[in-house]
C-alpha cells in the first residue's frame, strides 16, 4: 500500500497577520483543507498520515517521531511551512528531518492543503 505523510503547521499556531499569507486565510479554512486532503488520499486507496506540527523544536520532535513509525513513499510538505519568509529556518529544518527520517521517500510540496493528494500523485506514480 502506498503511504503518504502530509506535514504542515498546526492551524491554531499560524500567524495570520503575516502579509505573506493569502488574505482571508484562517485556522478553520486550513483545517477544512487538511480534512479534504485526508479524504482525497484515502480515495486513492493510500494510507495517509497527517502530521501537523508547531513552529518550534517540539514540532520537529513530533515530525521525527512520526517519520520513525512508517516507511513513507512520499512526504508532502505544506505551503504554510515554506511560504512565509520568516518560516525559512523551520522549512529547512522540516526538509532536513524528512531527508534524514525518510530517505527513501519522495518529497513534494503543495500549494494548499486541498491539492496534497494530487501533488503526491506526481511523485508516487514515478516510482
Protein backbone atom coordinates (compact mmCIF):
# COMPACT_ATOMS: atom_id res chain seq x y z
CA UNK A 1 0.00 0.00 0.00
CA UNK A 2 1.21 3.48 -0.84
CA UNK A 3 1.95 5.54 2.26
CA UNK A 4 1.77 9.33 2.26
CA UNK A 5 2.68 11.74 5.05
CA UNK A 6 1.30 15.27 4.93
CA UNK A 7 3.31 17.66 7.12
CA UNK A 8 2.04 21.13 7.93
CA UNK A 9 1.83 23.69 10.66
CA UNK A 10 -0.94 23.32 13.23
CA UNK A 11 -3.60 25.76 12.07
CA UNK A 12 -4.03 27.31 15.51
CA UNK A 13 -0.32 28.26 15.59
CA UNK A 14 -0.26 30.18 12.29
CA UNK A 15 0.32 33.94 12.42
CA UNK A 16 -2.49 35.12 10.16
CA UNK A 17 -1.30 38.72 10.40
CA UNK A 18 1.71 37.78 8.24
CA UNK A 19 1.27 39.61 4.90
CA UNK A 20 2.96 36.70 3.09
CA UNK A 21 -0.15 34.58 3.70
CA UNK A 22 -3.14 34.78 1.38
CA UNK A 23 -5.80 37.25 2.54
CA UNK A 24 -8.75 35.70 4.35
CA UNK A 25 -6.80 32.63 5.44
CA UNK A 26 -7.77 31.35 8.88
CA UNK A 27 -7.44 28.22 11.01
CA UNK A 28 -10.88 26.91 10.01
CA UNK A 29 -10.08 27.14 6.28
CA UNK A 30 -6.76 25.41 6.78
CA UNK A 31 -8.36 22.62 8.81
CA UNK A 32 -11.06 22.13 6.15
CA UNK A 33 -8.28 21.78 3.57
CA UNK A 34 -6.43 19.27 5.73
CA UNK A 35 -9.62 17.24 6.13
CA UNK A 36 -10.18 17.31 2.36
CA UNK A 37 -6.57 16.23 1.76
CA UNK A 38 -7.05 13.23 4.06
CA UNK A 39 -10.24 12.28 2.21
CA UNK A 40 -8.61 12.54 -1.23
CA UNK A 41 -5.61 10.48 -0.13
CA UNK A 42 -7.94 7.77 1.22
CA UNK A 43 -9.98 7.84 -2.02
CA UNK A 44 -6.82 6.87 -3.88
CA UNK A 45 -6.56 3.80 -1.65
CA UNK A 46 -3.46 5.09 0.07
CA UNK A 47 -2.56 5.19 3.74
CA UNK A 48 -2.46 8.87 4.61
CA UNK A 49 -0.98 10.18 7.81
CA UNK A 50 -1.29 13.79 8.86
CA UNK A 51 1.43 15.40 10.98
CA UNK A 52 0.62 18.96 11.95
CA UNK A 53 3.48 20.50 13.89
CA UNK A 54 4.14 23.55 15.98
CA UNK A 55 6.73 26.03 14.66
CA UNK A 56 9.36 25.15 17.26
CA UNK A 57 11.63 22.34 18.45
CA UNK A 58 8.65 20.42 19.80
CA UNK A 59 7.18 20.37 16.30
CA UNK A 60 10.37 18.92 14.87
CA UNK A 61 10.37 16.29 17.61
CA UNK A 62 6.80 15.38 16.66
CA UNK A 63 7.78 15.09 12.99
CA UNK A 64 10.86 12.98 13.75
CA UNK A 65 8.74 10.61 15.86
CA UNK A 66 6.12 10.31 13.09
CA UNK A 67 8.75 9.57 10.45
CA UNK A 68 10.08 6.74 12.62
CA UNK A 69 6.69 4.97 12.58
CA UNK A 70 6.36 4.21 8.87
CA UNK A 71 8.36 3.91 5.65
CA UNK A 72 6.62 6.58 3.56
CA UNK A 73 6.53 6.63 -0.22
CA UNK A 74 6.02 10.38 -0.32
CA UNK A 75 6.11 13.20 2.21
CA UNK A 76 4.17 16.31 1.22
CA UNK A 77 5.29 19.48 2.98
CA UNK A 78 2.58 22.11 3.21
CA UNK A 79 2.83 25.59 1.76
CA UNK A 80 2.33 27.19 5.16
CA UNK A 81 5.72 25.85 6.23
CA UNK A 82 7.56 27.27 3.25
CA UNK A 83 5.67 30.35 2.02
CA UNK A 84 6.18 32.89 4.78
CA UNK A 85 9.76 34.21 4.56
CA UNK A 86 10.01 34.24 8.34
CA UNK A 87 9.48 30.44 8.30
CA UNK A 88 12.61 29.70 6.28
CA UNK A 89 14.53 28.13 9.17
CA UNK A 90 11.52 25.97 10.12
CA UNK A 91 11.10 24.92 6.48
CA UNK A 92 14.78 23.97 6.19
CA UNK A 93 14.55 22.03 9.44
CA UNK A 94 11.48 20.13 8.21
CA UNK A 95 13.10 19.27 4.86
CA UNK A 96 16.23 18.02 6.62
CA UNK A 97 14.20 16.00 9.13
CA UNK A 98 12.30 14.36 6.26
CA UNK A 99 15.51 13.71 4.33
CA UNK A 100 17.04 12.03 7.38
CA UNK A 101 13.94 10.24 8.69
CA UNK A 102 12.51 9.07 5.36
CA UNK A 103 15.48 8.76 2.98
CA UNK A 104 13.54 6.58 0.54
CA UNK A 105 10.54 8.88 0.28
CA UNK A 106 9.89 11.37 -2.44
CA UNK A 107 9.47 14.90 -1.09
CA UNK A 108 6.72 17.04 -2.57
CA UNK A 109 5.29 20.48 -1.91
CA UNK A 110 1.66 21.50 -2.09
CA UNK A 111 0.27 24.95 -2.75
CA UNK A 112 -2.70 24.50 -0.44
CA UNK A 113 -3.96 21.59 1.67
CA UNK A 114 -6.58 20.63 -0.90
CA UNK A 115 -4.02 19.70 -3.58
CA UNK A 116 -1.96 17.39 -1.34
CA UNK A 117 -3.18 14.14 -2.96
CA UNK A 118 -2.56 15.47 -6.47
CA UNK A 119 0.95 16.59 -5.53
CA UNK A 120 1.74 13.18 -4.04
CA UNK A 121 0.42 11.51 -7.19
CA UNK A 122 3.13 13.21 -9.27
CA UNK A 123 5.83 11.50 -7.26
CA UNK A 124 4.21 8.21 -6.33
CA UNK A 125 3.49 7.39 -9.97
CA UNK A 126 7.15 7.98 -10.90
CA UNK A 127 8.38 5.30 -8.51
